[in-house]
C-alpha atoms as a PDB file:
ATOM      1  CA  MET A   1       0.000   0.000   0.000  1.00  0.00           C
ATOM      2  CA  GLN A   2       1.306   3.438  -0.891  1.00  0.00           C
ATOM      3  CA  SER A   3       1.474   6.317   1.488  1.00  0.00           C
ATOM      4  CA  GLU A   4      -0.294   9.650   0.877  1.00  0.00           C
ATOM      5  CA  TYR A   5       2.975  11.541   1.157  1.00  0.00           C
ATOM      6  CA  PRO A   6       5.668  11.294  -1.506  1.00  0.00           C
ATOM      7  CA  ALA A   7       8.905   9.659  -0.527  1.00  0.00           C
ATOM      8  CA  ASN A   8      11.678  11.961   0.555  1.00  0.00           C
ATOM      9  CA  GLN A   9      14.456  12.385  -1.902  1.00  0.00           C
ATOM     10  CA  PRO A  10      17.939  12.417  -0.429  1.00  0.00           C
ATOM     11  CA  GLY A  11      18.746  15.909   0.854  1.00  0.00           C
ATOM     12  CA  GLU A  12      15.124  17.131   0.586  1.00  0.00           C
ATOM     13  CA  THR A  13      13.175  18.289   3.605  1.00  0.00           C
ATOM     14  CA  VAL A  14       9.428  17.831   3.621  1.00  0.00           C
ATOM     15  CA  THR A  15       7.294  19.978   5.868  1.00  0.00           C
ATOM     16  CA  TYR A  16       3.890  18.713   6.842  1.00  0.00           C
ATOM     17  CA  VAL A  17       1.112  21.309   6.780  1.00  0.00           C
ATOM     18  CA  PRO A  18      -2.277  20.161   7.971  1.00  0.00           C
ATOM     19  CA  GLU A  19      -4.993  20.450   5.300  1.00  0.00           C
ATOM     20  CA  THR A  20      -7.355  22.434   7.509  1.00  0.00           C
ATOM     21  CA  GLU A  21      -4.857  25.313   7.761  1.00  0.00           C
ATOM     22  CA  THR A  22      -4.375  25.551   3.972  1.00  0.00           C
ATOM     23  CA  GLU A  23      -8.109  25.406   3.453  1.00  0.00           C
ATOM     24  CA  ARG A  24      -8.604  28.152   6.026  1.00  0.00           C
ATOM     25  CA  THR A  25      -5.975  30.389   4.348  1.00  0.00           C
ATOM     26  CA  GLY A  26      -7.653  29.906   0.956  1.00  0.00           C
ATOM     27  CA  TRP A  27     -11.064  30.562   2.500  1.00  0.00           C
ATOM     28  CA  ARG A  28      -9.848  33.813   4.030  1.00  0.00           C
ATOM     29  CA  SER A  29      -8.536  35.102   0.707  1.00  0.00           C
ATOM     30  CA  HIS A  30     -11.804  34.188  -1.039  1.00  0.00           C
ATOM     31  CA  ARG A  31     -13.787  35.840   1.755  1.00  0.00           C
ATOM     32  CA  THR A  32     -11.650  38.984   1.496  1.00  0.00           C
ATOM     33  CA  ARG A  33     -12.158  39.088  -2.260  1.00  0.00           C
ATOM     34  CA  LEU A  34     -15.896  38.638  -1.825  1.00  0.00           C
ATOM     35  CA  ILE A  35     -16.060  41.467   0.743  1.00  0.00           C
ATOM     36  CA  ILE A  36     -14.086  43.800  -1.543  1.00  0.00           C
ATOM     37  CA  LEU A  37     -16.303  42.914  -4.525  1.00  0.00           C
ATOM     38  CA  ALA A  38     -19.488  43.500  -2.487  1.00  0.00           C
ATOM     39  CA  GLY A  39     -18.101  46.859  -1.310  1.00  0.00           C
ATOM     40  CA  VAL A  40     -17.320  47.955  -4.879  1.00  0.00           C
ATOM     41  CA  ILE A  41     -20.797  46.928  -6.065  1.00  0.00           C
ATOM     42  CA  ALA A  42     -22.444  48.753  -3.121  1.00  0.00           C
ATOM     43  CA  LEU A  43     -20.457  51.920  -3.912  1.00  0.00           C
ATOM     44  CA  ALA A  44     -21.399  51.707  -7.595  1.00  0.00           C
ATOM     45  CA  VAL A  45     -25.101  51.298  -6.779  1.00  0.00           C
ATOM     46  CA  ALA A  46     -24.959  54.160  -4.251  1.00  0.00           C
ATOM     47  CA  TYR A  47     -23.345  56.434  -6.858  1.00  0.00           C
ATOM     48  CA  MET A  48     -25.991  55.571  -9.467  1.00  0.00           C
ATOM     49  CA  VAL A  49     -28.787  56.337  -6.994  1.00  0.00           C
ATOM     50  CA  TYR A  50     -27.110  59.628  -6.037  1.00  0.00           C
ATOM     51  CA  ALA A  51     -26.607  60.601  -9.692  1.00  0.00           C
ATOM     52  CA  ALA A  52     -30.225  59.782 -10.572  1.00  0.00           C
ATOM     53  CA  PHE A  53     -31.864  61.933  -7.899  1.00  0.00           C
ATOM     54  CA  PRO A  54     -30.943  65.526  -8.891  1.00  0.00           C
ATOM     55  CA  GLY A  55     -33.110  65.338 -12.017  1.00  0.00           C
ATOM     56  CA  ASN A  56     -36.045  63.925 -10.104  1.00  0.00           C
ATOM     57  CA  THR A  57     -36.005  66.324  -7.189  1.00  0.00           C
ATOM     58  CA  LEU A  58     -37.357  69.263  -9.164  1.00  0.00           C
ATOM     59  CA  TYR A  59     -40.537  70.396  -7.464  1.00  0.00           C
ATOM     60  CA  PHE A  60     -43.076  72.433  -9.366  1.00  0.00           C
ATOM     61  CA  VAL A  61     -44.468  75.850  -8.575  1.00  0.00           C
ATOM     62  CA  THR A  62     -47.758  77.343  -9.703  1.00  0.00           C
ATOM     63  CA  VAL A  63     -47.913  80.118 -12.283  1.00  0.00           C
ATOM     64  CA  SER A  64     -48.728  82.690  -9.561  1.00  0.00           C
ATOM     65  CA  GLU A  65     -45.778  81.578  -7.413  1.00  0.00           C
ATOM     66  CA  PHE A  66     -43.494  81.779 -10.435  1.00  0.00           C
ATOM     67  CA  MET A  67     -44.667  85.237 -11.501  1.00  0.00           C
ATOM     68  CA  ASP A  68     -44.465  86.632  -7.934  1.00  0.00           C
ATOM     69  CA  ASP A  69     -40.911  85.403  -7.212  1.00  0.00           C
ATOM     70  CA  PRO A  70     -38.175  87.070  -9.320  1.00  0.00           C
ATOM     71  CA  LYS A  71     -35.588  84.605  -7.957  1.00  0.00           C
ATOM     72  CA  LEU A  72     -37.306  81.831  -9.938  1.00  0.00           C
ATOM     73  CA  GLN A  73     -36.971  83.820 -13.167  1.00  0.00           C
ATOM     74  CA  ASP A  74     -33.164  83.723 -13.280  1.00  0.00           C
ATOM     75  CA  GLY A  75     -32.850  81.064 -15.992  1.00  0.00           C
ATOM     76  CA  GLN A  76     -32.630  78.043 -13.703  1.00  0.00           C
ATOM     77  CA  THR A  77     -34.339  74.811 -14.713  1.00  0.00           C
ATOM     78  CA  LEU A  78     -37.630  74.318 -12.894  1.00  0.00           C
ATOM     79  CA  ARG A  79     -41.169  73.043 -13.277  1.00  0.00           C
ATOM     80  CA  VAL A  80     -44.268  75.238 -13.483  1.00  0.00           C
ATOM     81  CA  ALA A  81     -47.767  73.765 -13.160  1.00  0.00           C
ATOM     82  CA  GLY A  82     -51.028  75.150 -14.438  1.00  0.00           C
ATOM     83  CA  ALA A  83     -53.696  74.785 -17.101  1.00  0.00           C
ATOM     84  CA  LEU A  84     -53.791  75.859 -20.713  1.00  0.00           C
ATOM     85  CA  ALA A  85     -55.278  79.357 -21.027  1.00  0.00           C
ATOM     86  CA  PRO A  86     -58.142  79.535 -23.563  1.00  0.00           C
ATOM     87  CA  ASP A  87     -57.452  81.008 -27.001  1.00  0.00           C
ATOM     88  CA  THR A  88     -53.661  81.143 -26.495  1.00  0.00           C
ATOM     89  CA  PHE A  89     -52.438  78.114 -28.419  1.00  0.00           C
ATOM     90  CA  ARG A  90     -50.724  78.841 -31.761  1.00  0.00           C
ATOM     91  CA  ARG A  91     -48.612  76.755 -34.084  1.00  0.00           C
ATOM     92  CA  ASP A  92     -47.250  77.715 -37.469  1.00  0.00           C
ATOM     93  CA  ASP A  93     -48.243  75.448 -40.351  1.00  0.00           C
ATOM     94  CA  GLY A  94     -45.743  72.642 -40.898  1.00  0.00           C
ATOM     95  CA  SER A  95     -43.867  73.431 -37.684  1.00  0.00           C
ATOM     96  CA  THR A  96     -43.578  71.687 -34.323  1.00  0.00           C
ATOM     97  CA  LEU A  97     -42.977  74.984 -32.490  1.00  0.00           C
ATOM     98  CA  SER A  98     -45.959  75.713 -30.225  1.00  0.00           C
ATOM     99  CA  HIS A  99     -46.758  78.983 -28.448  1.00  0.00           C
ATOM    100  CA  PHE A 100     -49.270  79.044 -25.601  1.00  0.00           C
ATOM    101  CA  ALA A 101     -49.976  80.470 -22.143  1.00  0.00           C
ATOM    102  CA  LEU A 102     -50.471  78.731 -18.835  1.00  0.00           C
ATOM    103  CA  GLY A 103     -52.557  79.955 -15.895  1.00  0.00           C
ATOM    104  CA  ASP A 104     -53.324  78.670 -12.397  1.00  0.00           C
ATOM    105  CA  LYS A 105     -55.639  75.668 -12.248  1.00  0.00           C
ATOM    106  CA  LEU A 106     -58.303  75.165  -9.628  1.00  0.00           C
ATOM    107  CA  PRO A 107     -58.806  71.546  -8.492  1.00  0.00           C
ATOM    108  CA  ASP A 108     -61.615  69.681 -10.278  1.00  0.00           C
ATOM    109  CA  VAL A 109     -62.590  72.770 -12.296  1.00  0.00           C
ATOM    110  CA  PRO A 110     -61.901  72.937 -16.039  1.00  0.00           C
ATOM    111  CA  GLY A 111     -59.692  75.724 -17.375  1.00  0.00           C
ATOM    112  CA  ILE A 112     -57.797  78.358 -15.425  1.00  0.00           C
ATOM    113  CA  SER A 113     -58.887  80.229 -12.325  1.00  0.00           C
ATOM    114  CA  PRO A 114     -60.363  83.697 -12.901  1.00  0.00           C
ATOM    115  CA  GLY A 115     -57.833  86.520 -12.555  1.00  0.00           C
ATOM    116  CA  SER A 116     -54.888  84.155 -12.767  1.00  0.00           C
ATOM    117  CA  PRO A 117     -51.665  85.563 -14.228  1.00  0.00           C
ATOM    118  CA  GLN A 118     -50.594  83.938 -17.485  1.00  0.00           C
ATOM    119  CA  LEU A 119     -47.150  82.632 -18.294  1.00  0.00           C
ATOM    120  CA  GLN A 120     -46.198  82.727 -21.978  1.00  0.00           C
ATOM    121  CA  ALA A 121     -44.415  79.542 -23.042  1.00  0.00           C
ATOM    122  CA  ASN A 122     -43.121  77.784 -26.125  1.00  0.00           C
ATOM    123  CA  TYR A 123     -42.314  74.166 -26.885  1.00  0.00           C
ATOM    124  CA  VAL A 124     -40.755  72.349 -29.813  1.00  0.00           C
ATOM    125  CA  GLY A 125     -42.077  68.829 -30.243  1.00  0.00           C
ATOM    126  CA  VAL A 126     -45.160  66.639 -30.208  1.00  0.00           C
ATOM    127  CA  LEU A 127     -47.647  67.540 -27.489  1.00  0.00           C
ATOM    128  CA  PRO A 128     -49.092  64.899 -25.141  1.00  0.00           C
ATOM    129  CA  ASP A 129     -52.611  63.585 -25.850  1.00  0.00           C
ATOM    130  CA  LEU A 130     -54.321  65.216 -22.852  1.00  0.00           C
ATOM    131  CA  PHE A 131     -52.662  68.616 -23.378  1.00  0.00           C
ATOM    132  CA  PHE A 132     -55.896  70.184 -24.660  1.00  0.00           C
ATOM    133  CA  ASN A 133     -58.207  68.586 -22.074  1.00  0.00           C
ATOM    134  CA  PRO A 134     -59.434  71.477 -19.873  1.00  0.00           C
ATOM    135  CA  HIS A 135     -59.484  69.176 -16.809  1.00  0.00           C
ATOM    136  CA  SER A 136     -55.788  68.263 -17.098  1.00  0.00           C
ATOM    137  CA  GLU A 137     -52.970  69.876 -15.176  1.00  0.00           C
ATOM    138  CA  ILE A 138     -49.933  70.708 -17.326  1.00  0.00           C
ATOM    139  CA  ILE A 139     -46.424  70.766 -15.882  1.00  0.00           C
ATOM    140  CA  LEU A 140     -43.777  72.547 -17.949  1.00  0.00           C
ATOM    141  CA  GLU A 141     -40.115  71.770 -17.313  1.00  0.00           C
ATOM    142  CA  GLY A 142     -37.627  74.313 -18.598  1.00  0.00           C
ATOM    143  CA  ARG A 143     -36.258  77.786 -17.893  1.00  0.00           C
ATOM    144  CA  TYR A 144     -37.504  81.338 -18.139  1.00  0.00           C
ATOM    145  CA  GLU A 145     -35.838  83.524 -20.753  1.00  0.00           C
ATOM    146  CA  ALA A 146     -36.193  87.020 -19.280  1.00  0.00           C
ATOM    147  CA  GLN A 147     -35.250  88.931 -22.452  1.00  0.00           C
ATOM    148  CA  GLU A 148     -38.014  87.302 -24.514  1.00  0.00           C
ATOM    149  CA  GLN A 149     -40.302  87.007 -21.455  1.00  0.00           C
ATOM    150  CA  VAL A 150     -41.170  83.447 -22.384  1.00  0.00           C
ATOM    151  CA  PHE A 151     -40.775  80.101 -20.618  1.00  0.00           C
ATOM    152  CA  ALA A 152     -38.667  77.848 -22.882  1.00  0.00           C
ATOM    153  CA  THR A 153     -40.082  74.396 -22.283  1.00  0.00           C
ATOM    154  CA  ASP A 154     -37.868  71.327 -22.614  1.00  0.00           C
ATOM    155  CA  ASN A 155     -40.414  68.767 -21.435  1.00  0.00           C
ATOM    156  CA  ILE A 156     -44.182  68.709 -20.900  1.00  0.00           C
ATOM    157  CA  LEU A 157     -45.905  66.458 -18.378  1.00  0.00           C
ATOM    158  CA  VAL A 158     -49.683  66.210 -18.253  1.00  0.00           C
ATOM    159  CA  LYS A 159     -51.310  65.032 -15.052  1.00  0.00           C
ATOM    160  CA  CYS A 160     -54.555  63.259 -15.733  1.00  0.00           C
ATOM    161  CA  PRO A 161     -57.588  64.620 -13.929  1.00  0.00           C
ATOM    162  CA  SER A 162     -58.399  62.901 -10.635  1.00  0.00           C
ATOM    163  CA  LYS A 163     -61.777  62.001 -12.127  1.00  0.00           C
ATOM    164  CA  TYR A 164     -61.628  61.441 -15.862  1.00  0.00           C
ATOM    165  CA  GLN A 165     -64.109  63.642 -17.622  1.00  0.00           C
ATOM    166  CA  SER A 166     -64.477  63.369 -21.340  1.00  0.00           C
ATOM    167  CA  VAL A 167     -65.059  66.530 -23.354  1.00  0.00           C
ATOM    168  CA  GLN A 168     -67.569  64.460 -25.371  1.00  0.00           C
ATOM    169  CA  ALA A 169     -69.526  63.538 -22.201  1.00  0.00           C
ATOM    170  CA  GLU A 170     -69.748  67.200 -21.175  1.00  0.00           C
ATOM    171  CA  ASN A 171     -71.008  68.193 -24.646  1.00  0.00           C
ATOM    172  CA  PRO A 172     -73.128  65.338 -26.070  1.00  0.00           C
ATOM    173  CA  ASP A 173     -74.069  67.363 -29.181  1.00  0.00           C
ATOM    174  CA  LEU A 174     -70.396  67.738 -30.106  1.00  0.00           C
ATOM    175  CA  ALA A 175     -69.104  65.777 -33.093  1.00  0.00           C
ATOM    176  CA  PRO A 176     -66.329  63.288 -32.148  1.00  0.00           C
ATOM    177  CA  GLY A 177     -62.907  64.938 -32.431  1.00  0.00           C
ATOM    178  CA  ALA A 178     -64.305  68.490 -32.451  1.00  0.00           C
ATOM    179  CA  LEU A 179     -63.327  71.109 -29.901  1.00  0.00           C
ATOM    180  CA  ALA A 180     -65.757  72.077 -27.175  1.00  0.00           C
ATOM    181  CA  PRO A 181     -67.498  75.415 -27.577  1.00  0.00           C
ATOM    182  CA  GLY A 182     -65.517  78.107 -25.836  1.00  0.00           C
ATOM    183  CA  ALA A 183     -62.408  75.912 -25.601  1.00  0.00           C
ATOM    184  CA  GLY A 184     -60.781  77.930 -28.361  1.00  0.00           C
ATOM    185  CA  TYR A 185     -57.684  75.789 -28.727  1.00  0.00           C
END
């Protein structure tokens, strides 16, 4: 029967190391590597979360708050919420540049509140589906250009009404796809 240990060659010294100690040393290095890898992954995830939040922490102000506070009109990126003012929407033929005005919106009431200041705005692009619904709240994201006195919109968000109300249901005599009387958009 052969032994587990190789035979000593003349002049060679063999040192016996128990297997449990070599296994433990290998286990420690693997554990250290695993801890370092987990730390690197945790730091990477933490950085991605930190980098994602600045764009999402923009709160919105109403049109009245925006117009009353000159500090908000310094060209910084912000969000302004309101409703589309009647008879203010214009778009040149064959263009995606839209010009319109926003006013303060009262909850659950179509259109803008009476006496509300109006913020002139423009937007280049396709407008969301509910943009013209008088029950919707519109949130413009962009910056105010003081020289032109217009809010340059980069992005438009439309909050659906808390209770969906169809323009067709409010005006049953209206042909499908037609604008409501007095909507003027």
